Structures are given as C-alpha cells and as structure tokens.
Amino acid sequence: MLRSRSGYTPPDSPDSRAAFTIKDPMILNHMTDFVIKYGSSQTAEWKEKLRVNLPVYHLDIVASAGSKVSPFVITTSQVERVSI
C-alpha cells in the first residue's frame, strides 16, 4: 500500500478516512491557490473565506485499468465518504 510505503500508518477502517490528509501549511496554500483559480462556488465570498480558514485536504488514490478514456468506476460509499 502506498500509504505504508510513505511512512504513514494504515487507517483504522478503510471506510473511515482518505488515504492521505494534507496538513502542511505550504501545501495547503498551494492547493487552495489552485482551488481558487480553477474552482467555482455559489457561496458568496467563498474565495476570501478559503483564504481566512484554510481547509484540510483529504486525498484518496484510486487506480483504474485501461487507458485514459476507459470508464472510471467509483462506488456509492466512496462518494458518500467525501460528501460534506
């Protein structure tokens, strides 16, 4: 598992957490810059709110077989886990 090879402990439950949680302030700033540049929201002043309260990013790594045009399958439980 990539997480273990990177020195991270495995999650308590495969359904409870993302593979990686990013907390480093420099990386958070870079990721938030990306979200602000390319993202969109119907929430008023969302860009300013992100700047004041940097989010913690949770990344899940999922692989699929085939080429970049092959179907990508994600389960309902994976979608529910990342829903806010």
C-alpha atoms as a PDB file:
ATOM      1  CA  MET A   1       0.000   0.000   0.000  1.00  0.00           C
ATOM      2  CA  LEU A   2       1.394   3.409  -0.971  1.00  0.00           C
ATOM      3  CA  ARG A   3       0.400   4.900   2.354  1.00  0.00           C
ATOM      4  CA  SER A   4       2.527   2.404   4.304  1.00  0.00           C
ATOM      5  CA  ARG A   5       5.488   2.798   1.949  1.00  0.00           C
ATOM      6  CA  SER A   6       5.338   6.556   2.540  1.00  0.00           C
ATOM      7  CA  GLY A   7       5.655   6.062   6.298  1.00  0.00           C
ATOM      8  CA  TYR A   8       2.001   6.622   7.219  1.00  0.00           C
ATOM      9  CA  THR A   9       0.081   4.218   9.425  1.00  0.00           C
ATOM     10  CA  PRO A  10      -2.921   2.464   7.905  1.00  0.00           C
ATOM     11  CA  PRO A  11      -6.354   3.952   8.659  1.00  0.00           C
ATOM     12  CA  ASP A  12      -8.480   2.325  11.368  1.00  0.00           C
ATOM     13  CA  SER A  13     -11.118   1.386   8.818  1.00  0.00           C
ATOM     14  CA  PRO A  14     -10.988   1.532   5.022  1.00  0.00           C
ATOM     15  CA  ASP A  15     -14.305   3.403   5.003  1.00  0.00           C
ATOM     16  CA  SER A  16     -13.419   5.960   7.675  1.00  0.00           C
ATOM     17  CA  ARG A  17     -10.630   8.092   6.177  1.00  0.00           C
ATOM     18  CA  ALA A  18      -8.937   9.139   2.997  1.00  0.00           C
ATOM     19  CA  ALA A  19      -5.567   7.658   2.106  1.00  0.00           C
ATOM     20  CA  PHE A  20      -3.746  10.934   2.735  1.00  0.00           C
ATOM     21  CA  THR A  21      -4.600  14.019   4.784  1.00  0.00           C
ATOM     22  CA  ILE A  22      -2.655  17.137   3.866  1.00  0.00           C
ATOM     23  CA  LYS A  23      -1.935  19.468   6.798  1.00  0.00           C
ATOM     24  CA  ASP A  24       1.335  21.171   5.821  1.00  0.00           C
ATOM     25  CA  PRO A  25       0.611  24.945   5.611  1.00  0.00           C
ATOM     26  CA  MET A  26       2.735  25.475   2.491  1.00  0.00           C
ATOM     27  CA  ILE A  27       0.998  22.649   0.608  1.00  0.00           C
ATOM     28  CA  LEU A  28      -2.411  23.813   1.870  1.00  0.00           C
ATOM     29  CA  ASN A  29      -1.701  27.276   0.466  1.00  0.00           C
ATOM     30  CA  HIS A  30      -0.685  25.855  -2.926  1.00  0.00           C
ATOM     31  CA  MET A  31      -3.725  23.601  -3.101  1.00  0.00           C
ATOM     32  CA  THR A  32      -6.036  26.430  -2.039  1.00  0.00           C
ATOM     33  CA  ASP A  33      -4.484  28.694  -4.703  1.00  0.00           C
ATOM     34  CA  PHE A  34      -5.365  26.003  -7.257  1.00  0.00           C
ATOM     35  CA  VAL A  35      -8.946  25.690  -5.967  1.00  0.00           C
ATOM     36  CA  ILE A  36      -9.412  29.466  -6.006  1.00  0.00           C
ATOM     37  CA  LYS A  37      -8.020  29.747  -9.533  1.00  0.00           C
ATOM     38  CA  TYR A  38      -9.973  26.861 -11.099  1.00  0.00           C
ATOM     39  CA  GLY A  39     -12.909  26.288  -8.736  1.00  0.00           C
ATOM     40  CA  SER A  40     -16.350  27.793  -8.530  1.00  0.00           C
ATOM     41  CA  SER A  41     -18.994  28.123  -5.854  1.00  0.00           C
ATOM     42  CA  GLN A  42     -22.415  29.674  -5.361  1.00  0.00           C
ATOM     43  CA  THR A  43     -21.385  30.721  -1.838  1.00  0.00           C
ATOM     44  CA  ALA A  44     -20.767  34.456  -1.511  1.00  0.00           C
ATOM     45  CA  GLU A  45     -17.141  35.439  -0.901  1.00  0.00           C
ATOM     46  CA  TRP A  46     -16.019  31.797  -0.950  1.00  0.00           C
ATOM     47  CA  LYS A  47     -12.513  32.684  -2.113  1.00  0.00           C
ATOM     48  CA  GLU A  48     -11.974  35.071   0.798  1.00  0.00           C
ATOM     49  CA  LYS A  49     -13.374  32.516   3.246  1.00  0.00           C
ATOM     50  CA  LEU A  50     -10.921  29.875   1.975  1.00  0.00           C
ATOM     51  CA  ARG A  51      -8.021  32.282   2.459  1.00  0.00           C
ATOM     52  CA  VAL A  52      -9.016  33.044   6.072  1.00  0.00           C
ATOM     53  CA  ASN A  53      -9.790  29.428   7.037  1.00  0.00           C
ATOM     54  CA  LEU A  54      -7.555  27.101   5.039  1.00  0.00           C
ATOM     55  CA  PRO A  55      -9.249  23.738   4.590  1.00  0.00           C
ATOM     56  CA  VAL A  56      -7.607  20.398   5.352  1.00  0.00           C
ATOM     57  CA  TYR A  57      -7.443  18.329   2.175  1.00  0.00           C
ATOM     58  CA  HIS A  58      -8.130  14.582   2.217  1.00  0.00           C
ATOM     59  CA  LEU A  59      -6.923  12.677  -0.850  1.00  0.00           C
ATOM     60  CA  ASP A  60      -7.978   9.209  -1.878  1.00  0.00           C
ATOM     61  CA  ILE A  61      -5.926   7.462  -4.536  1.00  0.00           C
ATOM     62  CA  VAL A  62      -7.884   5.212  -6.866  1.00  0.00           C
ATOM     63  CA  ALA A  63      -6.499   3.346  -9.857  1.00  0.00           C
ATOM     64  CA  SER A  64      -8.367   2.053 -12.857  1.00  0.00           C
ATOM     65  CA  ALA A  65      -7.369  -0.357 -15.581  1.00  0.00           C
ATOM     66  CA  GLY A  66      -7.104   0.713 -19.173  1.00  0.00           C
ATOM     67  CA  SER A  67      -6.379   3.962 -20.926  1.00  0.00           C
ATOM     68  CA  LYS A  68      -7.385   7.494 -20.010  1.00  0.00           C
ATOM     69  CA  VAL A  69     -10.611   7.067 -21.988  1.00  0.00           C
ATOM     70  CA  SER A  70     -11.621   3.869 -20.155  1.00  0.00           C
ATOM     71  CA  PRO A  71     -14.599   4.029 -17.782  1.00  0.00           C
ATOM     72  CA  PHE A  72     -13.781   5.093 -14.223  1.00  0.00           C
ATOM     73  CA  VAL A  73     -15.781   3.311 -11.536  1.00  0.00           C
ATOM     74  CA  ILE A  74     -16.420   4.820  -8.104  1.00  0.00           C
ATOM     75  CA  THR A  75     -18.693   3.256  -5.513  1.00  0.00           C
ATOM     76  CA  THR A  76     -21.560   4.946  -3.702  1.00  0.00           C
ATOM     77  CA  SER A  77     -19.738   4.539  -0.387  1.00  0.00           C
ATOM     78  CA  GLN A  78     -16.701   6.373  -1.813  1.00  0.00           C
ATOM     79  CA  VAL A  79     -18.903   9.276  -2.924  1.00  0.00           C
ATOM     80  CA  GLU A  80     -20.712   9.374   0.439  1.00  0.00           C
ATOM     81  CA  ARG A  81     -17.410   9.413   2.328  1.00  0.00           C
ATOM     82  CA  VAL A  82     -16.292  12.623   0.597  1.00  0.00           C
ATOM     83  CA  SER A  83     -19.655  14.375   0.727  1.00  0.00           C
ATOM     84  CA  ILE A  84     -19.917  17.303   3.083  1.00  0.00           C
END
